[in-house]
């Protein structure tokens, strides 16, 4: 009984850790990509392909761990660019 409870806590810990790491890494990757948008168009597409490749590999590994955690990470990967897009358009409207 005690071993089953420990393994459940361990599963929750690793799932939470995967979500937090995905949130941090997704944010950092998007910051780099959004800075490349302004500077260099050629590097932007290369980095975007690299970013998508790493995201697919990461999602494959996370979905192998747990489908619930995988869908949370997919949501994180979609919400980060969406918020950046919303804030960029709000800034453009303020400047105009």
C-alpha atoms as a PDB file:
ATOM      1  CA  UNK A   1       0.000   0.000   0.000  1.00  0.00           C
ATOM      2  CA  UNK A   2       2.752   2.436   0.925  1.00  0.00           C
ATOM      3  CA  UNK A   3       4.652   1.812  -2.317  1.00  0.00           C
ATOM      4  CA  UNK A   4       1.564   2.540  -4.419  1.00  0.00           C
ATOM      5  CA  UNK A   5       1.029   5.863  -2.667  1.00  0.00           C
ATOM      6  CA  UNK A   6       4.661   6.828  -3.182  1.00  0.00           C
ATOM      7  CA  UNK A   7       4.526   6.010  -6.877  1.00  0.00           C
ATOM      8  CA  UNK A   8       1.354   8.086  -7.298  1.00  0.00           C
ATOM      9  CA  UNK A   9       2.997  11.074  -5.646  1.00  0.00           C
ATOM     10  CA  UNK A  10       6.015  10.512  -7.857  1.00  0.00           C
ATOM     11  CA  UNK A  11       3.792  10.535 -10.966  1.00  0.00           C
ATOM     12  CA  UNK A  12       2.180  13.806  -9.889  1.00  0.00           C
ATOM     13  CA  UNK A  13       5.588  15.317  -9.198  1.00  0.00           C
ATOM     14  CA  UNK A  14       6.988  14.377 -12.615  1.00  0.00           C
ATOM     15  CA  UNK A  15       3.849  15.526 -14.407  1.00  0.00           C
ATOM     16  CA  UNK A  16       3.993  18.890 -12.651  1.00  0.00           C
ATOM     17  CA  UNK A  17       7.681  19.174 -13.399  1.00  0.00           C
ATOM     18  CA  UNK A  18       7.081  18.469 -17.111  1.00  0.00           C
ATOM     19  CA  UNK A  19       4.405  21.169 -17.251  1.00  0.00           C
ATOM     20  CA  UNK A  20       6.622  23.747 -15.523  1.00  0.00           C
ATOM     21  CA  UNK A  21       9.628  22.942 -17.736  1.00  0.00           C
ATOM     22  CA  UNK A  22       7.463  23.155 -20.864  1.00  0.00           C
ATOM     23  CA  UNK A  23       6.130  26.523 -19.763  1.00  0.00           C
ATOM     24  CA  UNK A  24       9.628  27.899 -19.120  1.00  0.00           C
ATOM     25  CA  UNK A  25      11.202  26.484 -22.281  1.00  0.00           C
ATOM     26  CA  UNK A  26       8.263  27.506 -24.464  1.00  0.00           C
ATOM     27  CA  UNK A  27       8.427  31.040 -23.123  1.00  0.00           C
ATOM     28  CA  UNK A  28      12.168  31.298 -23.636  1.00  0.00           C
ATOM     29  CA  UNK A  29      11.958  29.896 -27.153  1.00  0.00           C
ATOM     30  CA  UNK A  30       9.179  32.310 -28.057  1.00  0.00           C
ATOM     31  CA  UNK A  31      11.148  35.268 -26.699  1.00  0.00           C
ATOM     32  CA  UNK A  32      14.061  34.370 -28.962  1.00  0.00           C
ATOM     33  CA  UNK A  33      11.733  33.865 -31.928  1.00  0.00           C
ATOM     34  CA  UNK A  34       9.911  37.158 -31.364  1.00  0.00           C
ATOM     35  CA  UNK A  35      13.232  39.007 -31.282  1.00  0.00           C
ATOM     36  CA  UNK A  36      14.237  37.336 -34.549  1.00  0.00           C
ATOM     37  CA  UNK A  37      10.990  38.482 -36.169  1.00  0.00           C
ATOM     38  CA  UNK A  38      12.178  42.063 -35.963  1.00  0.00           C
ATOM     39  CA  UNK A  39      15.803  41.513 -36.957  1.00  0.00           C
ATOM     40  CA  UNK A  40      16.342  38.904 -39.655  1.00  0.00           C
ATOM     41  CA  UNK A  41      13.747  37.227 -41.874  1.00  0.00           C
ATOM     42  CA  UNK A  42      15.989  34.391 -43.033  1.00  0.00           C
ATOM     43  CA  UNK A  43      16.984  33.366 -39.517  1.00  0.00           C
ATOM     44  CA  UNK A  44      13.373  33.643 -38.435  1.00  0.00           C
ATOM     45  CA  UNK A  45      12.234  30.787 -40.693  1.00  0.00           C
ATOM     46  CA  UNK A  46      15.194  28.584 -39.802  1.00  0.00           C
ATOM     47  CA  UNK A  47      14.592  29.103 -36.093  1.00  0.00           C
ATOM     48  CA  UNK A  48      10.851  28.519 -36.507  1.00  0.00           C
ATOM     49  CA  UNK A  49      11.503  25.160 -38.181  1.00  0.00           C
ATOM     50  CA  UNK A  50      13.935  24.227 -35.430  1.00  0.00           C
ATOM     51  CA  UNK A  51      11.450  25.338 -32.779  1.00  0.00           C
ATOM     52  CA  UNK A  52       8.635  23.302 -34.324  1.00  0.00           C
ATOM     53  CA  UNK A  53      10.862  20.239 -34.562  1.00  0.00           C
ATOM     54  CA  UNK A  54      11.846  20.452 -30.919  1.00  0.00           C
ATOM     55  CA  UNK A  55       8.212  21.017 -29.928  1.00  0.00           C
ATOM     56  CA  UNK A  56       7.082  17.912 -31.820  1.00  0.00           C
ATOM     57  CA  UNK A  57       9.782  15.770 -30.205  1.00  0.00           C
ATOM     58  CA  UNK A  58       8.953  17.216 -26.797  1.00  0.00           C
ATOM     59  CA  UNK A  59       5.241  16.577 -27.282  1.00  0.00           C
ATOM     60  CA  UNK A  60       5.932  13.001 -28.360  1.00  0.00           C
ATOM     61  CA  UNK A  61       7.858  12.377 -25.163  1.00  0.00           C
ATOM     62  CA  UNK A  62       5.262  14.082 -22.978  1.00  0.00           C
ATOM     63  CA  UNK A  63       2.371  12.175 -24.585  1.00  0.00           C
ATOM     64  CA  UNK A  64       4.264   8.936 -23.942  1.00  0.00           C
ATOM     65  CA  UNK A  65       4.316   9.925 -20.282  1.00  0.00           C
ATOM     66  CA  UNK A  66       0.667  10.997 -19.948  1.00  0.00           C
ATOM     67  CA  UNK A  67      -2.003  12.145 -22.367  1.00  0.00           C
ATOM     68  CA  UNK A  68      -3.426  14.649 -19.866  1.00  0.00           C
ATOM     69  CA  UNK A  69      -0.030  16.280 -19.329  1.00  0.00           C
ATOM     70  CA  UNK A  70       0.499  16.191 -23.097  1.00  0.00           C
ATOM     71  CA  UNK A  71      -2.696  18.153 -23.763  1.00  0.00           C
ATOM     72  CA  UNK A  72      -1.764  20.674 -21.082  1.00  0.00           C
ATOM     73  CA  UNK A  73       1.601  21.199 -22.810  1.00  0.00           C
ATOM     74  CA  UNK A  74      -0.148  21.584 -26.192  1.00  0.00           C
ATOM     75  CA  UNK A  75      -2.357  24.244 -24.604  1.00  0.00           C
ATOM     76  CA  UNK A  76       0.749  25.993 -23.236  1.00  0.00           C
ATOM     77  CA  UNK A  77       2.431  25.895 -26.652  1.00  0.00           C
ATOM     78  CA  UNK A  78      -0.639  27.525 -28.242  1.00  0.00           C
ATOM     79  CA  UNK A  79      -1.315  30.099 -25.533  1.00  0.00           C
ATOM     80  CA  UNK A  80       2.204  31.614 -25.550  1.00  0.00           C
ATOM     81  CA  UNK A  81       2.154  32.734 -29.230  1.00  0.00           C
ATOM     82  CA  UNK A  82      -1.484  33.774 -28.924  1.00  0.00           C
ATOM     83  CA  UNK A  83      -0.791  36.141 -26.033  1.00  0.00           C
ATOM     84  CA  UNK A  84       2.222  37.555 -27.873  1.00  0.00           C
ATOM     85  CA  UNK A  85       0.079  38.143 -30.945  1.00  0.00           C
ATOM     86  CA  UNK A  86      -2.610  39.897 -28.888  1.00  0.00           C
ATOM     87  CA  UNK A  87      -0.093  42.141 -27.113  1.00  0.00           C
ATOM     88  CA  UNK A  88       1.682  43.035 -30.371  1.00  0.00           C
ATOM     89  CA  UNK A  89      -1.555  44.148 -32.002  1.00  0.00           C
ATOM     90  CA  UNK A  90      -2.527  46.129 -28.917  1.00  0.00           C
ATOM     91  CA  UNK A  91       0.814  47.941 -29.070  1.00  0.00           C
ATOM     92  CA  UNK A  92       0.408  48.651 -32.783  1.00  0.00           C
ATOM     93  CA  UNK A  93      -3.005  50.166 -32.132  1.00  0.00           C
ATOM     94  CA  UNK A  94      -1.605  52.370 -29.374  1.00  0.00           C
ATOM     95  CA  UNK A  95       1.174  53.620 -31.642  1.00  0.00           C
ATOM     96  CA  UNK A  96      -1.226  54.484 -34.453  1.00  0.00           C
END
